[in-house]
């Protein structure tokens, strides 16, 4: 497989993952993703931002989230996010520290 084809396939897989998380399973909370998998939609938007920066394209955190979510992040939270209980919040602190780090 040549590099261009590989890149196109990887991009298609990313787009499908985004669709799955944003449309097919919008009910799955970010905190649950982070607690179970060590990443969430916000991580994906940050990775998008980091990939752009590696190519000399500066995108702010809010802009990267809006690109990923397809809307302002606060709108997504209002439409899809529910309050997490204390156990989930505590597990999130551990998962975030282990997978993202203190500065995340």
PDB file of N, CA and C in Angstrom:
ATOM      1  N   UNK A   1       0.857  -1.173   0.000  1.00  0.00           N
ATOM      2  CA  UNK A   1       0.000   0.000   0.000  1.00  0.00           C
ATOM      3  C   UNK A   1       0.905   1.239   0.000  1.00  0.00           C
ATOM      4  N   UNK A   2       0.592   2.198  -0.843  1.00  0.00           N
ATOM      5  CA  UNK A   2       1.406   3.410  -0.884  1.00  0.00           C
ATOM      6  C   UNK A   2       0.981   4.352   0.251  1.00  0.00           C
ATOM      7  N   UNK A   3       1.840   5.330   0.555  1.00  0.00           N
ATOM      8  CA  UNK A   3       1.596   6.241   1.680  1.00  0.00           C
ATOM      9  C   UNK A   3       0.306   7.033   1.530  1.00  0.00           C
ATOM     10  N   UNK A   4       0.019   7.530   0.342  1.00  0.00           N
ATOM     11  CA  UNK A   4      -1.183   8.328   0.139  1.00  0.00           C
ATOM     12  C   UNK A   4      -2.439   7.509   0.401  1.00  0.00           C
ATOM     13  N   UNK A   5      -2.463   6.281  -0.054  1.00  0.00           N
ATOM     14  CA  UNK A   5      -3.617   5.412   0.196  1.00  0.00           C
ATOM     15  C   UNK A   5      -3.761   5.133   1.680  1.00  0.00           C
ATOM     16  N   UNK A   6      -2.645   4.867   2.360  1.00  0.00           N
ATOM     17  CA  UNK A   6      -2.674   4.627   3.805  1.00  0.00           C
ATOM     18  C   UNK A   6      -3.230   5.841   4.535  1.00  0.00           C
ATOM     19  N   UNK A   7      -2.767   7.032   4.168  1.00  0.00           N
ATOM     20  CA  UNK A   7      -3.246   8.263   4.795  1.00  0.00           C
ATOM     21  C   UNK A   7      -4.750   8.429   4.574  1.00  0.00           C
ATOM     22  N   UNK A   8      -5.213   8.164   3.374  1.00  0.00           N
ATOM     23  CA  UNK A   8      -6.643   8.289   3.071  1.00  0.00           C
ATOM     24  C   UNK A   8      -7.469   7.288   3.873  1.00  0.00           C
ATOM     25  N   UNK A   9      -6.967   6.083   4.021  1.00  0.00           N
ATOM     26  CA  UNK A   9      -7.681   5.070   4.805  1.00  0.00           C
ATOM     27  C   UNK A   9      -7.698   5.454   6.280  1.00  0.00           C
ATOM     28  N   UNK A  10      -6.564   5.926   6.794  1.00  0.00           N
ATOM     29  CA  UNK A  10      -6.519   6.363   8.187  1.00  0.00           C
ATOM     30  C   UNK A  10      -7.474   7.532   8.423  1.00  0.00           C
ATOM     31  N   UNK A  11      -7.531   8.470   7.495  1.00  0.00           N
ATOM     32  CA  UNK A  11      -8.445   9.609   7.615  1.00  0.00           C
ATOM     33  C   UNK A  11      -9.899   9.139   7.594  1.00  0.00           C
ATOM     34  N   UNK A  12     -10.200   8.179   6.744  1.00  0.00           N
ATOM     35  CA  UNK A  12     -11.564   7.644   6.674  1.00  0.00           C
ATOM     36  C   UNK A  12     -11.925   6.943   7.982  1.00  0.00           C
ATOM     37  N   UNK A  13     -10.979   6.223   8.565  1.00  0.00           N
ATOM     38  CA  UNK A  13     -11.235   5.547   9.837  1.00  0.00           C
ATOM     39  C   UNK A  13     -11.483   6.574  10.946  1.00  0.00           C
ATOM     40  N   UNK A  14     -10.713   7.668  10.946  1.00  0.00           N
ATOM     41  CA  UNK A  14     -10.930   8.734  11.924  1.00  0.00           C
ATOM     42  C   UNK A  14     -12.312   9.350  11.758  1.00  0.00           C
ATOM     43  N   UNK A  15     -12.693   9.631  10.516  1.00  0.00           N
ATOM     44  CA  UNK A  15     -14.013  10.212  10.275  1.00  0.00           C
ATOM     45  C   UNK A  15     -15.119   9.267  10.743  1.00  0.00           C
ATOM     46  N   UNK A  16     -14.937   7.973  10.557  1.00  0.00           N
ATOM     47  CA  UNK A  16     -15.938   6.993  10.997  1.00  0.00           C
ATOM     48  C   UNK A  16     -16.007   6.923  12.515  1.00  0.00           C
ATOM     49  N   UNK A  17     -14.851   7.000  13.180  1.00  0.00           N
ATOM     50  CA  UNK A  17     -14.831   7.038  14.645  1.00  0.00           C
ATOM     51  C   UNK A  17     -15.554   8.281  15.141  1.00  0.00           C
ATOM     52  N   UNK A  18     -15.289   9.424  14.525  1.00  0.00           N
ATOM     53  CA  UNK A  18     -15.960  10.665  14.905  1.00  0.00           C
ATOM     54  C   UNK A  18     -17.468  10.522  14.726  1.00  0.00           C
ATOM     55  N   UNK A  19     -17.913   9.996  13.593  1.00  0.00           N
ATOM     56  CA  UNK A  19     -19.345   9.804  13.348  1.00  0.00           C
ATOM     57  C   UNK A  19     -19.946   8.890  14.410  1.00  0.00           C
ATOM     58  N   UNK A  20     -19.251   7.815  14.725  1.00  0.00           N
ATOM     59  CA  UNK A  20     -19.747   6.871  15.725  1.00  0.00           C
ATOM     60  C   UNK A  20     -19.945   7.571  17.070  1.00  0.00           C
ATOM     61  N   UNK A  21     -18.947   8.351  17.487  1.00  0.00           N
ATOM     62  CA  UNK A  21     -19.026   9.010  18.786  1.00  0.00           C
ATOM     63  C   UNK A  21     -19.983  10.193  18.798  1.00  0.00           C
ATOM     64  N   UNK A  22     -20.115  10.876  17.670  1.00  0.00           N
ATOM     65  CA  UNK A  22     -20.927  12.086  17.631  1.00  0.00           C
ATOM     66  C   UNK A  22     -22.379  11.824  17.246  1.00  0.00           C
ATOM     67  N   UNK A  23     -22.615  10.835  16.416  1.00  0.00           N
ATOM     68  CA  UNK A  23     -23.970  10.581  15.923  1.00  0.00           C
ATOM     69  C   UNK A  23     -24.550   9.258  16.433  1.00  0.00           C
ATOM     70  N   UNK A  24     -23.790   8.193  16.258  1.00  0.00           N
ATOM     71  CA  UNK A  24     -24.314   6.868  16.613  1.00  0.00           C
ATOM     72  C   UNK A  24     -24.394   6.668  18.124  1.00  0.00           C
ATOM     73  N   UNK A  25     -23.412   7.214  18.868  1.00  0.00           N
ATOM     74  CA  UNK A  25     -23.364   7.000  20.314  1.00  0.00           C
ATOM     75  C   UNK A  25     -23.142   8.304  21.075  1.00  0.00           C
ATOM     76  N   UNK A  26     -23.899   9.319  20.698  1.00  0.00           N
ATOM     77  CA  UNK A  26     -23.828  10.594  21.412  1.00  0.00           C
ATOM     78  C   UNK A  26     -24.234  10.430  22.870  1.00  0.00           C
ATOM     79  N   UNK A  27     -24.925   9.332  23.178  1.00  0.00           N
ATOM     80  CA  UNK A  27     -25.363   9.064  24.546  1.00  0.00           C
ATOM     81  C   UNK A  27     -24.222   8.674  25.471  1.00  0.00           C
ATOM     82  N   UNK A  28     -23.115   8.219  24.922  1.00  0.00           N
ATOM     83  CA  UNK A  28     -21.969   7.822  25.745  1.00  0.00           C
ATOM     84  C   UNK A  28     -21.266   9.085  26.227  1.00  0.00           C
ATOM     85  N   UNK A  29     -21.155   9.216  27.517  1.00  0.00           N
ATOM     86  CA  UNK A  29     -20.571  10.409  28.116  1.00  0.00           C
ATOM     87  C   UNK A  29     -19.042  10.414  27.976  1.00  0.00           C
ATOM     88  N   UNK A  30     -18.470  11.604  27.821  1.00  0.00           N
ATOM     89  CA  UNK A  30     -17.017  11.730  27.756  1.00  0.00           C
ATOM     90  C   UNK A  30     -16.347  11.138  28.994  1.00  0.00           C
ATOM     91  N   UNK A  31     -16.932  11.359  30.153  1.00  0.00           N
ATOM     92  CA  UNK A  31     -16.332  10.849  31.380  1.00  0.00           C
ATOM     93  C   UNK A  31     -16.268   9.318  31.362  1.00  0.00           C
ATOM     94  N   UNK A  32     -17.291   8.687  30.792  1.00  0.00           N
ATOM     95  CA  UNK A  32     -17.279   7.225  30.692  1.00  0.00           C
ATOM     96  C   UNK A  32     -16.206   6.755  29.707  1.00  0.00           C
ATOM     97  N   UNK A  33     -16.066   7.461  28.588  1.00  0.00           N
ATOM     98  CA  UNK A  33     -14.994   7.121  27.637  1.00  0.00           C
ATOM     99  C   UNK A  33     -13.632   7.231  28.306  1.00  0.00           C
ATOM    100  N   UNK A  34     -13.402   8.333  28.994  1.00  0.00           N
ATOM    101  CA  UNK A  34     -12.105   8.539  29.649  1.00  0.00           C
ATOM    102  C   UNK A  34     -11.860   7.482  30.709  1.00  0.00           C
ATOM    103  N   UNK A  35     -12.874   7.191  31.510  1.00  0.00           N
ATOM    104  CA  UNK A  35     -12.701   6.219  32.581  1.00  0.00           C
ATOM    105  C   UNK A  35     -12.444   4.815  32.056  1.00  0.00           C
ATOM    106  N   UNK A  36     -13.061   4.452  30.939  1.00  0.00           N
ATOM    107  CA  UNK A  36     -12.904   3.106  30.399  1.00  0.00           C
ATOM    108  C   UNK A  36     -11.750   2.975  29.404  1.00  0.00           C
ATOM    109  N   UNK A  37     -11.559   3.995  28.579  1.00  0.00           N
ATOM    110  CA  UNK A  37     -10.598   3.867  27.476  1.00  0.00           C
ATOM    111  C   UNK A  37      -9.379   4.781  27.601  1.00  0.00           C
ATOM    112  N   UNK A  38      -9.438   5.742  28.494  1.00  0.00           N
ATOM    113  CA  UNK A  38      -8.307   6.646  28.658  1.00  0.00           C
ATOM    114  C   UNK A  38      -8.271   7.776  27.642  1.00  0.00           C
ATOM    115  N   UNK A  39      -9.354   7.969  26.913  1.00  0.00           N
ATOM    116  CA  UNK A  39      -9.482   9.100  25.998  1.00  0.00           C
ATOM    117  C   UNK A  39     -10.964   9.397  25.818  1.00  0.00           C
ATOM    118  N   UNK A  40     -11.238  10.607  25.307  1.00  0.00           N
ATOM    119  CA  UNK A  40     -12.625  10.991  25.043  1.00  0.00           C
ATOM    120  C   UNK A  40     -12.666  11.911  23.831  1.00  0.00           C
ATOM    121  N   UNK A  41     -13.815  12.461  23.566  1.00  0.00           N
ATOM    122  CA  UNK A  41     -13.964  13.367  22.422  1.00  0.00           C
ATOM    123  C   UNK A  41     -13.044  14.571  22.548  1.00  0.00           C
ATOM    124  N   UNK A  42     -12.869  15.081  23.769  1.00  0.00           N
ATOM    125  CA  UNK A  42     -11.981  16.223  23.971  1.00  0.00           C
ATOM    126  C   UNK A  42     -10.537  15.858  23.625  1.00  0.00           C
ATOM    127  N   UNK A  43     -10.133  14.644  23.944  1.00  0.00           N
ATOM    128  CA  UNK A  43      -8.796  14.188  23.573  1.00  0.00           C
ATOM    129  C   UNK A  43      -8.650  14.184  22.051  1.00  0.00           C
ATOM    130  N   UNK A  44      -9.664  13.685  21.370  1.00  0.00           N
ATOM    131  CA  UNK A  44      -9.614  13.658  19.902  1.00  0.00           C
ATOM    132  C   UNK A  44      -9.500  15.065  19.332  1.00  0.00           C
ATOM    133  N   UNK A  45     -10.214  16.015  19.918  1.00  0.00           N
ATOM    134  CA  UNK A  45     -10.101  17.396  19.422  1.00  0.00           C
ATOM    135  C   UNK A  45      -8.721  17.961  19.731  1.00  0.00           C
ATOM    136  N   UNK A  46      -8.137  17.589  20.869  1.00  0.00           N
ATOM    137  CA  UNK A  46      -6.775  18.034  21.209  1.00  0.00           C
ATOM    138  C   UNK A  46      -5.756  17.400  20.271  1.00  0.00           C
ATOM    139  N   UNK A  47      -5.930  16.134  19.944  1.00  0.00           N
ATOM    140  CA  UNK A  47      -5.008  15.479  19.010  1.00  0.00           C
ATOM    141  C   UNK A  47      -5.096  16.126  17.631  1.00  0.00           C
ATOM    142  N   UNK A  48      -6.287  16.548  17.241  1.00  0.00           N
ATOM    143  CA  UNK A  48      -6.486  17.266  15.981  1.00  0.00           C
ATOM    144  C   UNK A  48      -5.701  18.583  16.031  1.00  0.00           C
ATOM    145  N   UNK A  49      -5.837  19.290  17.147  1.00  0.00           N
ATOM    146  CA  UNK A  49      -5.136  20.557  17.342  1.00  0.00           C
ATOM    147  C   UNK A  49      -3.622  20.339  17.290  1.00  0.00           C
ATOM    148  N   UNK A  50      -3.133  19.302  17.949  1.00  0.00           N
ATOM    149  CA  UNK A  50      -1.702  19.004  17.962  1.00  0.00           C
ATOM    150  C   UNK A  50      -1.198  18.636  16.570  1.00  0.00           C
ATOM    151  N   UNK A  51      -1.971  17.866  15.824  1.00  0.00           N
ATOM    152  CA  UNK A  51      -1.576  17.491  14.460  1.00  0.00           C
ATOM    153  C   UNK A  51      -1.498  18.725  13.571  1.00  0.00           C
ATOM    154  N   UNK A  52      -2.425  19.649  13.751  1.00  0.00           N
ATOM    155  CA  UNK A  52      -2.384  20.899  12.982  1.00  0.00           C
ATOM    156  C   UNK A  52      -1.132  21.694  13.346  1.00  0.00           C
ATOM    157  N   UNK A  53      -0.824  21.781  14.631  1.00  0.00           N
ATOM    158  CA  UNK A  53       0.351  22.527  15.089  1.00  0.00           C
ATOM    159  C   UNK A  53       1.637  21.946  14.516  1.00  0.00           C
ATOM    160  N   UNK A  54       1.696  20.616  14.424  1.00  0.00           N
ATOM    161  CA  UNK A  54       2.877  19.967  13.833  1.00  0.00           C
ATOM    162  C   UNK A  54       3.088  20.382  12.385  1.00  0.00           C
ATOM    163  N   UNK A  55       2.026  20.846  11.755  1.00  0.00           N
ATOM    164  CA  UNK A  55       2.095  21.290  10.354  1.00  0.00           C
ATOM    165  C   UNK A  55       2.112  22.812  10.237  1.00  0.00           C
ATOM    166  N   UNK A  56       2.331  23.485  11.377  1.00  0.00           N
ATOM    167  CA  UNK A  56       2.424  24.928  11.380  1.00  0.00           C
ATOM    168  C   UNK A  56       1.087  25.646  11.341  1.00  0.00           C
ATOM    169  N   UNK A  57       0.004  24.942  11.629  1.00  0.00           N
ATOM    170  CA  UNK A  57      -1.333  25.538  11.632  1.00  0.00           C
ATOM    171  C   UNK A  57      -1.773  25.679  13.081  1.00  0.00           C
ATOM    172  N   UNK A  58      -1.911  26.916  13.513  1.00  0.00           N
ATOM    173  CA  UNK A  58      -2.303  27.162  14.901  1.00  0.00           C
ATOM    174  C   UNK A  58      -3.825  27.205  15.012  1.00  0.00           C
ATOM    175  N   UNK A  59      -4.345  26.330  15.837  1.00  0.00           N
ATOM    176  CA  UNK A  59      -5.779  26.256  16.125  1.00  0.00           C
ATOM    177  C   UNK A  59      -5.918  26.279  17.635  1.00  0.00           C
ATOM    178  N   UNK A  60      -6.751  27.147  18.139  1.00  0.00           N
ATOM    179  CA  UNK A  60      -6.976  27.210  19.577  1.00  0.00           C
ATOM    180  C   UNK A  60      -7.812  26.037  20.062  1.00  0.00           C
ATOM    181  N   UNK A  61      -7.813  25.846  21.374  1.00  0.00           N
ATOM    182  CA  UNK A  61      -8.555  24.740  21.985  1.00  0.00           C
ATOM    183  C   UNK A  61     -10.040  24.803  21.643  1.00  0.00           C
ATOM    184  N   UNK A  62     -10.645  25.981  21.793  1.00  0.00           N
ATOM    185  CA  UNK A  62     -12.082  26.130  21.514  1.00  0.00           C
ATOM    186  C   UNK A  62     -12.373  25.871  20.042  1.00  0.00           C
ATOM    187  N   UNK A  63     -11.505  26.356  19.156  1.00  0.00           N
ATOM    188  CA  UNK A  63     -11.712  26.143  17.721  1.00  0.00           C
ATOM    189  C   UNK A  63     -11.576  24.666  17.362  1.00  0.00           C
ATOM    190  N   UNK A  64     -10.585  23.994  17.945  1.00  0.00           N
ATOM    191  CA  UNK A  64     -10.402  22.560  17.678  1.00  0.00           C
ATOM    192  C   UNK A  64     -11.617  21.770  18.154  1.00  0.00           C
ATOM    193  N   UNK A  65     -12.139  22.128  19.315  1.00  0.00           N
ATOM    194  CA  UNK A  65     -13.326  21.441  19.815  1.00  0.00           C
ATOM    195  C   UNK A  65     -14.524  21.691  18.912  1.00  0.00           C
ATOM    196  N   UNK A  66     -14.677  22.921  18.438  1.00  0.00           N
ATOM    197  CA  UNK A  66     -15.808  23.221  17.558  1.00  0.00           C
ATOM    198  C   UNK A  66     -15.683  22.465  16.239  1.00  0.00           C
ATOM    199  N   UNK A  67     -14.459  22.339  15.728  1.00  0.00           N
ATOM    200  CA  UNK A  67     -14.249  21.558  14.508  1.00  0.00           C
ATOM    201  C   UNK A  67     -14.641  20.105  14.763  1.00  0.00           C
ATOM    202  N   UNK A  68     -14.175  19.539  15.872  1.00  0.00           N
ATOM    203  CA  UNK A  68     -14.458  18.133  16.163  1.00  0.00           C
ATOM    204  C   UNK A  68     -15.943  17.900  16.461  1.00  0.00           C
ATOM    205  N   UNK A  69     -16.504  18.725  17.335  1.00  0.00           N
ATOM    206  CA  UNK A  69     -17.895  18.534  17.754  1.00  0.00           C
ATOM    207  C   UNK A  69     -18.904  18.995  16.705  1.00  0.00           C
ATOM    208  N   UNK A  70     -18.468  19.849  15.781  1.00  0.00           N
ATOM    209  CA  UNK A  70     -19.377  20.373  14.774  1.00  0.00           C
ATOM    210  C   UNK A  70     -20.286  21.467  15.325  1.00  0.00           C
ATOM    211  N   UNK A  71     -19.947  21.966  16.490  1.00  0.00           N
ATOM    212  CA  UNK A  71     -20.702  23.019  17.170  1.00  0.00           C
ATOM    213  C   UNK A  71     -19.846  23.501  18.328  1.00  0.00           C
ATOM    214  N   UNK A  72     -20.161  24.644  18.910  1.00  0.00           N
ATOM    215  CA  UNK A  72     -19.436  25.054  20.116  1.00  0.00           C
ATOM    216  C   UNK A  72     -19.561  23.979  21.204  1.00  0.00           C
ATOM    217  N   UNK A  73     -18.481  23.770  21.938  1.00  0.00           N
ATOM    218  CA  UNK A  73     -18.451  22.726  22.951  1.00  0.00           C
ATOM    219  C   UNK A  73     -19.550  22.913  23.998  1.00  0.00           C
ATOM    220  N   UNK A  74     -19.803  24.155  24.396  1.00  0.00           N
ATOM    221  CA  UNK A  74     -20.861  24.389  25.387  1.00  0.00           C
ATOM    222  C   UNK A  74     -22.233  23.942  24.872  1.00  0.00           C
ATOM    223  N   UNK A  75     -22.460  24.089  23.565  1.00  0.00           N
ATOM    224  CA  UNK A  75     -23.719  23.608  22.984  1.00  0.00           C
ATOM    225  C   UNK A  75     -23.810  22.087  23.074  1.00  0.00           C
ATOM    226  N   UNK A  76     -22.700  21.400  22.774  1.00  0.00           N
ATOM    227  CA  UNK A  76     -22.663  19.938  22.883  1.00  0.00           C
ATOM    228  C   UNK A  76     -22.972  19.512  24.316  1.00  0.00           C
ATOM    229  N   UNK A  77     -22.316  20.150  25.269  1.00  0.00           N
ATOM    230  CA  UNK A  77     -22.538  19.792  26.671  1.00  0.00           C
ATOM    231  C   UNK A  77     -24.000  19.972  27.057  1.00  0.00           C
ATOM    232  N   UNK A  78     -24.596  21.068  26.635  1.00  0.00           N
ATOM    233  CA  UNK A  78     -25.997  21.328  26.953  1.00  0.00           C
ATOM    234  C   UNK A  78     -26.909  20.254  26.359  1.00  0.00           C
ATOM    235  N   UNK A  79     -26.615  19.837  25.135  1.00  0.00           N
ATOM    236  CA  UNK A  79     -27.469  18.876  24.439  1.00  0.00           C
ATOM    237  C   UNK A  79     -27.243  17.427  24.863  1.00  0.00           C
ATOM    238  N   UNK A  80     -26.011  17.088  25.282  1.00  0.00           N
ATOM    239  CA  UNK A  80     -25.691  15.668  25.442  1.00  0.00           C
ATOM    240  C   UNK A  80     -25.084  15.255  26.781  1.00  0.00           C
ATOM    241  N   UNK A  81     -24.586  16.192  27.543  1.00  0.00           N
ATOM    242  CA  UNK A  81     -23.843  15.806  28.739  1.00  0.00           C
ATOM    243  C   UNK A  81     -24.719  15.889  29.973  1.00  0.00           C
ATOM    244  N   UNK A  82     -24.613  14.859  30.812  1.00  0.00           N
ATOM    245  CA  UNK A  82     -25.342  14.856  32.078  1.00  0.00           C
ATOM    246  C   UNK A  82     -24.337  14.931  33.225  1.00  0.00           C
ATOM    247  N   UNK A  83     -24.829  15.256  34.394  1.00  0.00           N
ATOM    248  CA  UNK A  83     -23.963  15.371  35.568  1.00  0.00           C
ATOM    249  C   UNK A  83     -23.478  13.984  35.992  1.00  0.00           C
ATOM    250  N   UNK A  84     -22.200  13.880  36.276  1.00  0.00           N
ATOM    251  CA  UNK A  84     -21.606  12.612  36.701  1.00  0.00           C
ATOM    252  C   UNK A  84     -21.668  12.505  38.227  1.00  0.00           C
ATOM    253  N   UNK A  85     -21.793  11.276  38.699  1.00  0.00           N
ATOM    254  CA  UNK A  85     -21.794  11.080  40.145  1.00  0.00           C
ATOM    255  C   UNK A  85     -20.359  11.166  40.677  1.00  0.00           C
ATOM    256  N   UNK A  86     -20.222  11.179  41.992  1.00  0.00           N
ATOM    257  CA  UNK A  86     -18.915  11.365  42.621  1.00  0.00           C
ATOM    258  C   UNK A  86     -17.937  10.235  42.299  1.00  0.00           C
ATOM    259  N   UNK A  87     -18.425   9.006  42.181  1.00  0.00           N
ATOM    260  CA  UNK A  87     -17.542   7.877  41.856  1.00  0.00           C
ATOM    261  C   UNK A  87     -16.945   8.042  40.457  1.00  0.00           C
ATOM    262  N   UNK A  88     -17.762   8.464  39.497  1.00  0.00           N
ATOM    263  CA  UNK A  88     -17.263   8.684  38.140  1.00  0.00           C
ATOM    264  C   UNK A  88     -16.261   9.836  38.108  1.00  0.00           C
ATOM    265  N   UNK A  89     -16.538  10.882  38.874  1.00  0.00           N
ATOM    266  CA  UNK A  89     -15.624  12.018  38.929  1.00  0.00           C
ATOM    267  C   UNK A  89     -14.274  11.610  39.515  1.00  0.00           C
ATOM    268  N   UNK A  90     -14.299  10.800  40.555  1.00  0.00           N
ATOM    269  CA  UNK A  90     -13.053  10.333  41.175  1.00  0.00           C
ATOM    270  C   UNK A  90     -12.276   9.444  40.205  1.00  0.00           C
ATOM    271  N   UNK A  91     -12.972   8.547  39.517  1.00  0.00           N
ATOM    272  CA  UNK A  91     -12.318   7.684  38.531  1.00  0.00           C
ATOM    273  C   UNK A  91     -11.746   8.521  37.390  1.00  0.00           C
ATOM    274  N   UNK A  92     -12.455   9.580  37.014  1.00  0.00           N
ATOM    275  CA  UNK A  92     -11.977  10.464  35.953  1.00  0.00           C
ATOM    276  C   UNK A  92     -10.667  11.130  36.351  1.00  0.00           C
ATOM    277  N   UNK A  93     -10.562  11.590  37.583  1.00  0.00           N
ATOM    278  CA  UNK A  93      -9.320  12.233  38.039  1.00  0.00           C
ATOM    279  C   UNK A  93      -8.131  11.303  37.851  1.00  0.00           C
ATOM    280  N   UNK A  94      -8.305  10.039  38.187  1.00  0.00           N
ATOM    281  CA  UNK A  94      -7.236   9.052  38.017  1.00  0.00           C
ATOM    282  C   UNK A  94      -6.959   8.819  36.537  1.00  0.00           C
ATOM    283  N   UNK A  95      -8.006   8.571  35.749  1.00  0.00           N
ATOM    284  CA  UNK A  95      -7.841   8.303  34.314  1.00  0.00           C
ATOM    285  C   UNK A  95      -7.203   9.485  33.599  1.00  0.00           C
ATOM    286  N   UNK A  96      -7.627  10.682  33.944  1.00  0.00           N
ATOM    287  CA  UNK A  96      -7.068  11.877  33.300  1.00  0.00           C
ATOM    288  C   UNK A  96      -5.584  11.999  33.629  1.00  0.00           C
ATOM    289  N   UNK A  97      -5.251  11.866  34.888  1.00  0.00           N
ATOM    290  CA  UNK A  97      -3.849  11.972  35.334  1.00  0.00           C
ATOM    291  C   UNK A  97      -2.990  10.911  34.644  1.00  0.00           C
ATOM    292  N   UNK A  98      -3.489   9.684  34.550  1.00  0.00           N
ATOM    293  CA  UNK A  98      -2.715   8.590  33.953  1.00  0.00           C
ATOM    294  C   UNK A  98      -2.585   8.706  32.444  1.00  0.00           C
ATOM    295  N   UNK A  99      -3.594   9.250  31.773  1.00  0.00           N
ATOM    296  CA  UNK A  99      -3.618   9.243  30.320  1.00  0.00           C
ATOM    297  C   UNK A  99      -3.340  10.587  29.664  1.00  0.00           C
ATOM    298  N   UNK A 100      -3.653  11.655  30.329  1.00  0.00           N
ATOM    299  CA  UNK A 100      -3.480  12.969  29.744  1.00  0.00           C
ATOM    300  C   UNK A 100      -2.379  13.735  30.472  1.00  0.00           C
ATOM    301  N   UNK A 101      -2.299  13.581  31.752  1.00  0.00           N
ATOM    302  CA  UNK A 101      -1.304  14.294  32.546  1.00  0.00           C
ATOM    303  C   UNK A 101      -1.910  15.485  33.241  1.00  0.00           C
ATOM    304  N   UNK A 102      -1.126  16.105  34.052  1.00  0.00           N
ATOM    305  CA  UNK A 102      -1.590  17.224  34.865  1.00  0.00           C
ATOM    306  C   UNK A 102      -1.960  18.438  34.017  1.00  0.00           C
ATOM    307  N   UNK A 103      -1.233  18.658  32.910  1.00  0.00           N
ATOM    308  CA  UNK A 103      -1.440  19.864  32.122  1.00  0.00           C
ATOM    309  C   UNK A 103      -2.500  19.717  31.048  1.00  0.00           C
ATOM    310  N   UNK A 104      -2.896  18.469  30.694  1.00  0.00           N
ATOM    311  CA  UNK A 104      -3.886  18.131  29.712  1.00  0.00           C
ATOM    312  C   UNK A 104      -4.395  19.223  28.922  1.00  0.00           C
TER     313      UNK A 104
END
